[in-house]
């Protein structure tokens, strides 16, 4: 799996900002073939909050607007 982590700054109406990040990547098998519709589960290990996503037809996924923290990610093919 390839993971890409990008940071962005979200500007809010009250002139304060909040730091958020996103995680994304491509789900592939051992031969390099992409896996569409893979189930992605991201869990904040500090709070227990979970996010779910699925990879698209090209095996790509993205989960935006994440707060700083420790995360566990799991992917499973359907």
PDB file of N, CA and C in Angstrom:
ATOM      1  N   UNK A   1       0.828  -1.170   0.000  1.00  0.00           N
ATOM      2  CA  UNK A   1       0.000   0.000   0.000  1.00  0.00           C
ATOM      3  C   UNK A   1       0.878   1.240   0.000  1.00  0.00           C
ATOM      4  N   UNK A   2       0.397   2.221  -0.668  1.00  0.00           N
ATOM      5  CA  UNK A   2       1.095   3.498  -0.709  1.00  0.00           C
ATOM      6  C   UNK A   2       0.269   4.506   0.069  1.00  0.00           C
ATOM      7  N   UNK A   3       0.903   5.187   0.988  1.00  0.00           N
ATOM      8  CA  UNK A   3       0.202   6.190   1.790  1.00  0.00           C
ATOM      9  C   UNK A   3       0.788   7.558   1.528  1.00  0.00           C
ATOM     10  N   UNK A   4      -0.084   8.500   1.466  1.00  0.00           N
ATOM     11  CA  UNK A   4       0.339   9.878   1.274  1.00  0.00           C
ATOM     12  C   UNK A   4      -0.367  10.708   2.331  1.00  0.00           C
ATOM     13  N   UNK A   5       0.392  11.479   3.032  1.00  0.00           N
ATOM     14  CA  UNK A   5      -0.189  12.315   4.082  1.00  0.00           C
ATOM     15  C   UNK A   5       0.098  13.770   3.738  1.00  0.00           C
ATOM     16  N   UNK A   6      -0.962  14.527   3.618  1.00  0.00           N
ATOM     17  CA  UNK A   6      -0.795  15.942   3.283  1.00  0.00           C
ATOM     18  C   UNK A   6      -1.455  16.786   4.359  1.00  0.00           C
ATOM     19  N   UNK A   7      -0.867  17.914   4.645  1.00  0.00           N
ATOM     20  CA  UNK A   7      -1.426  18.823   5.653  1.00  0.00           C
ATOM     21  C   UNK A   7      -2.019  20.043   4.971  1.00  0.00           C
ATOM     22  N   UNK A   8      -3.059  20.542   5.542  1.00  0.00           N
ATOM     23  CA  UNK A   8      -3.659  21.773   5.043  1.00  0.00           C
ATOM     24  C   UNK A   8      -4.131  22.600   6.230  1.00  0.00           C
ATOM     25  N   UNK A   9      -4.340  23.863   5.976  1.00  0.00           N
ATOM     26  CA  UNK A   9      -4.834  24.753   7.036  1.00  0.00           C
ATOM     27  C   UNK A   9      -6.249  25.175   6.661  1.00  0.00           C
ATOM     28  N   UNK A  10      -7.152  24.985   7.578  1.00  0.00           N
ATOM     29  CA  UNK A  10      -8.548  25.353   7.389  1.00  0.00           C
ATOM     30  C   UNK A  10      -8.776  26.694   8.087  1.00  0.00           C
ATOM     31  N   UNK A  11      -9.061  27.731   7.292  1.00  0.00           N
ATOM     32  CA  UNK A  11      -9.309  29.055   7.866  1.00  0.00           C
ATOM     33  C   UNK A  11     -10.770  29.167   8.259  1.00  0.00           C
ATOM     34  N   UNK A  12     -11.011  29.619   9.450  1.00  0.00           N
ATOM     35  CA  UNK A  12     -12.371  29.716   9.978  1.00  0.00           C
ATOM     36  C   UNK A  12     -12.846  31.166   9.981  1.00  0.00           C
ATOM     37  N   UNK A  13     -14.159  31.334  10.053  1.00  0.00           N
ATOM     38  CA  UNK A  13     -14.764  32.660   9.953  1.00  0.00           C
ATOM     39  C   UNK A  13     -14.376  33.587  11.088  1.00  0.00           C
ATOM     40  N   UNK A  14     -14.009  33.060  12.235  1.00  0.00           N
ATOM     41  CA  UNK A  14     -13.677  33.908  13.380  1.00  0.00           C
ATOM     42  C   UNK A  14     -12.201  34.273  13.457  1.00  0.00           C
ATOM     43  N   UNK A  15     -11.525  34.186  12.343  1.00  0.00           N
ATOM     44  CA  UNK A  15     -10.112  34.585  12.212  1.00  0.00           C
ATOM     45  C   UNK A  15      -9.162  33.701  13.022  1.00  0.00           C
ATOM     46  N   UNK A  16      -9.575  32.493  13.337  1.00  0.00           N
ATOM     47  CA  UNK A  16      -8.669  31.540  13.946  1.00  0.00           C
ATOM     48  C   UNK A  16      -8.564  30.357  12.996  1.00  0.00           C
ATOM     49  N   UNK A  17      -7.530  29.618  13.105  1.00  0.00           N
ATOM     50  CA  UNK A  17      -7.367  28.495  12.185  1.00  0.00           C
ATOM     51  C   UNK A  17      -7.147  27.212  12.967  1.00  0.00           C
ATOM     52  N   UNK A  18      -7.405  26.146  12.293  1.00  0.00           N
ATOM     53  CA  UNK A  18      -7.318  24.820  12.897  1.00  0.00           C
ATOM     54  C   UNK A  18      -6.473  23.958  11.961  1.00  0.00           C
ATOM     55  N   UNK A  19      -5.492  23.284  12.492  1.00  0.00           N
ATOM     56  CA  UNK A  19      -4.634  22.431  11.679  1.00  0.00           C
ATOM     57  C   UNK A  19      -5.297  21.080  11.483  1.00  0.00           C
ATOM     58  N   UNK A  20      -5.469  20.696  10.236  1.00  0.00           N
ATOM     59  CA  UNK A  20      -6.015  19.389   9.917  1.00  0.00           C
ATOM     60  C   UNK A  20      -5.134  18.726   8.877  1.00  0.00           C
ATOM     61  N   UNK A  21      -5.299  17.432   8.739  1.00  0.00           N
ATOM     62  CA  UNK A  21      -4.553  16.666   7.749  1.00  0.00           C
ATOM     63  C   UNK A  21      -5.499  15.732   7.034  1.00  0.00           C
ATOM     64  N   UNK A  22      -4.970  15.065   6.044  1.00  0.00           N
ATOM     65  CA  UNK A  22      -5.725  14.024   5.359  1.00  0.00           C
ATOM     66  C   UNK A  22      -4.785  12.869   5.078  1.00  0.00           C
ATOM     67  N   UNK A  23      -5.371  11.709   4.905  1.00  0.00           N
ATOM     68  CA  UNK A  23      -4.575  10.550   4.526  1.00  0.00           C
ATOM     69  C   UNK A  23      -5.206   9.971   3.277  1.00  0.00           C
ATOM     70  N   UNK A  24      -4.385   9.516   2.398  1.00  0.00           N
ATOM     71  CA  UNK A  24      -4.877   8.913   1.163  1.00  0.00           C
ATOM     72  C   UNK A  24      -3.810   8.020   0.580  1.00  0.00           C
ATOM     73  N   UNK A  25      -4.196   7.234  -0.386  1.00  0.00           N
ATOM     74  CA  UNK A  25      -3.244   6.343  -1.026  1.00  0.00           C
ATOM     75  C   UNK A  25      -3.920   5.466  -2.041  1.00  0.00           C
ATOM     76  N   UNK A  26      -3.212   4.441  -2.450  1.00  0.00           N
ATOM     77  CA  UNK A  26      -3.717   3.473  -3.412  1.00  0.00           C
ATOM     78  C   UNK A  26      -3.593   2.086  -2.814  1.00  0.00           C
ATOM     79  N   UNK A  27      -4.679   1.329  -2.859  1.00  0.00           N
ATOM     80  CA  UNK A  27      -4.671  -0.042  -2.369  1.00  0.00           C
ATOM     81  C   UNK A  27      -4.313  -0.947  -3.541  1.00  0.00           C
ATOM     82  N   UNK A  28      -3.286  -1.768  -3.345  1.00  0.00           N
ATOM     83  CA  UNK A  28      -2.865  -2.686  -4.409  1.00  0.00           C
ATOM     84  C   UNK A  28      -2.490  -4.038  -3.816  1.00  0.00           C
ATOM     85  N   UNK A  29      -2.497  -5.059  -4.678  1.00  0.00           N
ATOM     86  CA  UNK A  29      -2.110  -6.392  -4.232  1.00  0.00           C
ATOM     87  C   UNK A  29      -0.606  -6.587  -4.419  1.00  0.00           C
ATOM     88  N   UNK A  30      -0.115  -7.773  -4.096  1.00  0.00           N
ATOM     89  CA  UNK A  30       1.334  -8.020  -4.136  1.00  0.00           C
ATOM     90  C   UNK A  30       1.914  -7.948  -5.543  1.00  0.00           C
ATOM     91  N   UNK A  31       1.076  -8.077  -6.575  1.00  0.00           N
ATOM     92  CA  UNK A  31       1.576  -7.970  -7.947  1.00  0.00           C
ATOM     93  C   UNK A  31       1.503  -6.539  -8.468  1.00  0.00           C
ATOM     94  N   UNK A  32       0.970  -5.626  -7.654  1.00  0.00           N
ATOM     95  CA  UNK A  32       0.867  -4.219  -8.062  1.00  0.00           C
ATOM     96  C   UNK A  32      -0.475  -3.858  -8.669  1.00  0.00           C
ATOM     97  N   UNK A  33      -1.368  -4.832  -8.800  1.00  0.00           N
ATOM     98  CA  UNK A  33      -2.701  -4.546  -9.331  1.00  0.00           C
ATOM     99  C   UNK A  33      -3.531  -3.804  -8.297  1.00  0.00           C
ATOM    100  N   UNK A  34      -4.274  -2.804  -8.764  1.00  0.00           N
ATOM    101  CA  UNK A  34      -5.083  -2.014  -7.834  1.00  0.00           C
ATOM    102  C   UNK A  34      -6.311  -2.804  -7.387  1.00  0.00           C
ATOM    103  N   UNK A  35      -6.813  -2.458  -6.199  1.00  0.00           N
ATOM    104  CA  UNK A  35      -7.976  -3.134  -5.635  1.00  0.00           C
ATOM    105  C   UNK A  35      -9.098  -2.112  -5.480  1.00  0.00           C
ATOM    106  N   UNK A  36     -10.081  -2.143  -6.391  1.00  0.00           N
ATOM    107  CA  UNK A  36     -11.218  -1.233  -6.264  1.00  0.00           C
ATOM    108  C   UNK A  36     -12.157  -1.700  -5.154  1.00  0.00           C
ATOM    109  N   UNK A  37     -12.898  -0.779  -4.602  1.00  0.00           N
ATOM    110  CA  UNK A  37     -13.918  -1.051  -3.578  1.00  0.00           C
ATOM    111  C   UNK A  37     -13.378  -1.708  -2.315  1.00  0.00           C
ATOM    112  N   UNK A  38     -12.112  -1.496  -1.999  1.00  0.00           N
ATOM    113  CA  UNK A  38     -11.564  -2.004  -0.735  1.00  0.00           C
ATOM    114  C   UNK A  38     -12.134  -1.168   0.407  1.00  0.00           C
ATOM    115  N   UNK A  39     -12.465  -1.818   1.501  1.00  0.00           N
ATOM    116  CA  UNK A  39     -12.984  -1.118   2.679  1.00  0.00           C
ATOM    117  C   UNK A  39     -11.814  -0.581   3.494  1.00  0.00           C
ATOM    118  N   UNK A  40     -11.833   0.711   3.795  1.00  0.00           N
ATOM    119  CA  UNK A  40     -10.785   1.368   4.574  1.00  0.00           C
ATOM    120  C   UNK A  40     -11.392   1.788   5.913  1.00  0.00           C
ATOM    121  N   UNK A  41     -10.708   1.474   7.007  1.00  0.00           N
ATOM    122  CA  UNK A  41     -11.141   1.914   8.331  1.00  0.00           C
ATOM    123  C   UNK A  41      -9.969   2.595   9.016  1.00  0.00           C
ATOM    124  N   UNK A  42     -10.176   3.833   9.430  1.00  0.00           N
ATOM    125  CA  UNK A  42      -9.164   4.617  10.118  1.00  0.00           C
ATOM    126  C   UNK A  42      -9.676   4.895  11.524  1.00  0.00           C
ATOM    127  N   UNK A  43      -8.865   4.583  12.541  1.00  0.00           N
ATOM    128  CA  UNK A  43      -9.280   4.769  13.934  1.00  0.00           C
ATOM    129  C   UNK A  43      -8.288   5.662  14.660  1.00  0.00           C
ATOM    130  N   UNK A  44      -8.795   6.707  15.303  1.00  0.00           N
ATOM    131  CA  UNK A  44      -7.965   7.540  16.171  1.00  0.00           C
ATOM    132  C   UNK A  44      -7.758   6.752  17.462  1.00  0.00           C
ATOM    133  N   UNK A  45      -6.539   6.351  17.724  1.00  0.00           N
ATOM    134  CA  UNK A  45      -6.267   5.498  18.867  1.00  0.00           C
ATOM    135  C   UNK A  45      -6.374   6.220  20.203  1.00  0.00           C
ATOM    136  N   UNK A  46      -6.356   7.543  20.188  1.00  0.00           N
ATOM    137  CA  UNK A  46      -6.495   8.309  21.420  1.00  0.00           C
ATOM    138  C   UNK A  46      -7.963   8.497  21.820  1.00  0.00           C
ATOM    139  N   UNK A  47      -8.856   8.637  20.813  1.00  0.00           N
ATOM    140  CA  UNK A  47     -10.258   8.930  21.091  1.00  0.00           C
ATOM    141  C   UNK A  47     -11.210   7.787  20.743  1.00  0.00           C
ATOM    142  N   UNK A  48     -10.754   6.849  19.913  1.00  0.00           N
ATOM    143  CA  UNK A  48     -11.612   5.754  19.469  1.00  0.00           C
ATOM    144  C   UNK A  48     -12.530   6.117  18.310  1.00  0.00           C
ATOM    145  N   UNK A  49     -12.471   7.361  17.825  1.00  0.00           N
ATOM    146  CA  UNK A  49     -13.310   7.791  16.708  1.00  0.00           C
ATOM    147  C   UNK A  49     -12.849   7.085  15.437  1.00  0.00           C
ATOM    148  N   UNK A  50     -13.827   6.582  14.645  1.00  0.00           N
ATOM    149  CA  UNK A  50     -13.516   5.846  13.421  1.00  0.00           C
ATOM    150  C   UNK A  50     -14.060   6.567  12.195  1.00  0.00           C
ATOM    151  N   UNK A  51     -13.340   6.445  11.097  1.00  0.00           N
ATOM    152  CA  UNK A  51     -13.762   6.925   9.787  1.00  0.00           C
ATOM    153  C   UNK A  51     -13.745   5.734   8.859  1.00  0.00           C
ATOM    154  N   UNK A  52     -14.678   5.693   7.918  1.00  0.00           N
ATOM    155  CA  UNK A  52     -14.717   4.630   6.924  1.00  0.00           C
ATOM    156  C   UNK A  52     -14.720   5.238   5.543  1.00  0.00           C
ATOM    157  N   UNK A  53     -14.064   4.552   4.620  1.00  0.00           N
ATOM    158  CA  UNK A  53     -14.016   4.979   3.229  1.00  0.00           C
ATOM    159  C   UNK A  53     -13.872   3.727   2.378  1.00  0.00           C
ATOM    160  N   UNK A  54     -13.934   3.914   1.078  1.00  0.00           N
ATOM    161  CA  UNK A  54     -13.714   2.809   0.140  1.00  0.00           C
ATOM    162  C   UNK A  54     -12.831   3.312  -0.992  1.00  0.00           C
ATOM    163  N   UNK A  55     -12.009   2.424  -1.521  1.00  0.00           N
ATOM    164  CA  UNK A  55     -11.179   2.820  -2.650  1.00  0.00           C
ATOM    165  C   UNK A  55     -12.046   2.913  -3.908  1.00  0.00           C
ATOM    166  N   UNK A  56     -11.646   3.802  -4.818  1.00  0.00           N
ATOM    167  CA  UNK A  56     -12.403   3.982  -6.053  1.00  0.00           C
ATOM    168  C   UNK A  56     -11.983   2.940  -7.094  1.00  0.00           C
ATOM    169  N   UNK A  57     -12.432   3.094  -8.316  1.00  0.00           N
ATOM    170  CA  UNK A  57     -12.134   2.134  -9.386  1.00  0.00           C
ATOM    171  C   UNK A  57     -10.640   2.019  -9.672  1.00  0.00           C
ATOM    172  N   UNK A  58      -9.861   3.054  -9.313  1.00  0.00           N
ATOM    173  CA  UNK A  58      -8.407   3.035  -9.509  1.00  0.00           C
ATOM    174  C   UNK A  58      -7.665   2.622  -8.252  1.00  0.00           C
ATOM    175  N   UNK A  59      -8.393   2.161  -7.222  1.00  0.00           N
ATOM    176  CA  UNK A  59      -7.769   1.730  -5.976  1.00  0.00           C
ATOM    177  C   UNK A  59      -7.418   2.861  -5.027  1.00  0.00           C
ATOM    178  N   UNK A  60      -7.772   4.112  -5.390  1.00  0.00           N
ATOM    179  CA  UNK A  60      -7.405   5.266  -4.560  1.00  0.00           C
ATOM    180  C   UNK A  60      -8.459   5.555  -3.507  1.00  0.00           C
ATOM    181  N   UNK A  61      -7.996   6.127  -2.382  1.00  0.00           N
ATOM    182  CA  UNK A  61      -8.895   6.563  -1.319  1.00  0.00           C
ATOM    183  C   UNK A  61      -8.317   7.811  -0.674  1.00  0.00           C
ATOM    184  N   UNK A  62      -9.183   8.554   0.013  1.00  0.00           N
ATOM    185  CA  UNK A  62      -8.750   9.727   0.771  1.00  0.00           C
ATOM    186  C   UNK A  62      -9.711   9.914   1.948  1.00  0.00           C
ATOM    187  N   UNK A  63      -9.150  10.252   3.088  1.00  0.00           N
ATOM    188  CA  UNK A  63      -9.944  10.592   4.270  1.00  0.00           C
ATOM    189  C   UNK A  63      -9.451  11.968   4.731  1.00  0.00           C
ATOM    190  N   UNK A  64     -10.271  13.012   4.539  1.00  0.00           N
ATOM    191  CA  UNK A  64      -9.843  14.383   4.847  1.00  0.00           C
ATOM    192  C   UNK A  64     -10.207  14.827   6.260  1.00  0.00           C
ATOM    193  N   UNK A  65      -9.734  16.009   6.611  1.00  0.00           N
ATOM    194  CA  UNK A  65     -10.098  16.738   7.831  1.00  0.00           C
ATOM    195  C   UNK A  65      -9.836  15.951   9.113  1.00  0.00           C
ATOM    196  N   UNK A  66      -8.646  15.393   9.221  1.00  0.00           N
ATOM    197  CA  UNK A  66      -8.257  14.647  10.417  1.00  0.00           C
ATOM    198  C   UNK A  66      -7.531  15.547  11.398  1.00  0.00           C
ATOM    199  N   UNK A  67      -7.849  15.395  12.653  1.00  0.00           N
ATOM    200  CA  UNK A  67      -7.163  16.111  13.718  1.00  0.00           C
ATOM    201  C   UNK A  67      -5.827  15.418  14.004  1.00  0.00           C
ATOM    202  N   UNK A  68      -4.853  16.133  14.533  1.00  0.00           N
ATOM    203  CA  UNK A  68      -3.596  15.493  14.923  1.00  0.00           C
ATOM    204  C   UNK A  68      -3.867  14.368  15.924  1.00  0.00           C
ATOM    205  N   UNK A  69      -3.137  13.285  15.805  1.00  0.00           N
ATOM    206  CA  UNK A  69      -3.320  12.169  16.727  1.00  0.00           C
ATOM    207  C   UNK A  69      -2.637  10.921  16.223  1.00  0.00           C
ATOM    208  N   UNK A  70      -2.818   9.849  16.958  1.00  0.00           N
ATOM    209  CA  UNK A  70      -2.286   8.537  16.594  1.00  0.00           C
ATOM    210  C   UNK A  70      -3.408   7.740  15.948  1.00  0.00           C
ATOM    211  N   UNK A  71      -3.162   7.224  14.747  1.00  0.00           N
ATOM    212  CA  UNK A  71      -4.186   6.534  13.985  1.00  0.00           C
ATOM    213  C   UNK A  71      -3.747   5.119  13.618  1.00  0.00           C
ATOM    214  N   UNK A  72      -4.747   4.234  13.501  1.00  0.00           N
ATOM    215  CA  UNK A  72      -4.532   2.888  12.973  1.00  0.00           C
ATOM    216  C   UNK A  72      -5.394   2.786  11.717  1.00  0.00           C
ATOM    217  N   UNK A  73      -4.802   2.257  10.640  1.00  0.00           N
ATOM    218  CA  UNK A  73      -5.553   2.106   9.395  1.00  0.00           C
ATOM    219  C   UNK A  73      -5.600   0.632   9.015  1.00  0.00           C
ATOM    220  N   UNK A  74      -6.766   0.208   8.515  1.00  0.00           N
ATOM    221  CA  UNK A  74      -6.949  -1.160   8.053  1.00  0.00           C
ATOM    222  C   UNK A  74      -7.623  -1.110   6.693  1.00  0.00           C
ATOM    223  N   UNK A  75      -7.240  -2.036   5.838  1.00  0.00           N
ATOM    224  CA  UNK A  75      -7.868  -2.155   4.527  1.00  0.00           C
ATOM    225  C   UNK A  75      -8.226  -3.618   4.305  1.00  0.00           C
ATOM    226  N   UNK A  76      -9.391  -3.840   3.721  1.00  0.00           N
ATOM    227  CA  UNK A  76      -9.836  -5.200   3.424  1.00  0.00           C
ATOM    228  C   UNK A  76     -10.506  -5.216   2.069  1.00  0.00           C
ATOM    229  N   UNK A  77     -10.171  -6.191   1.258  1.00  0.00           N
ATOM    230  CA  UNK A  77     -10.797  -6.348  -0.053  1.00  0.00           C
ATOM    231  C   UNK A  77     -12.127  -7.068   0.115  1.00  0.00           C
ATOM    232  N   UNK A  78     -13.092  -6.645  -0.658  1.00  0.00           N
ATOM    233  CA  UNK A  78     -14.427  -7.273  -0.607  1.00  0.00           C
ATOM    234  C   UNK A  78     -14.500  -8.481  -1.503  1.00  0.00           C
TER     235      UNK A  78
END
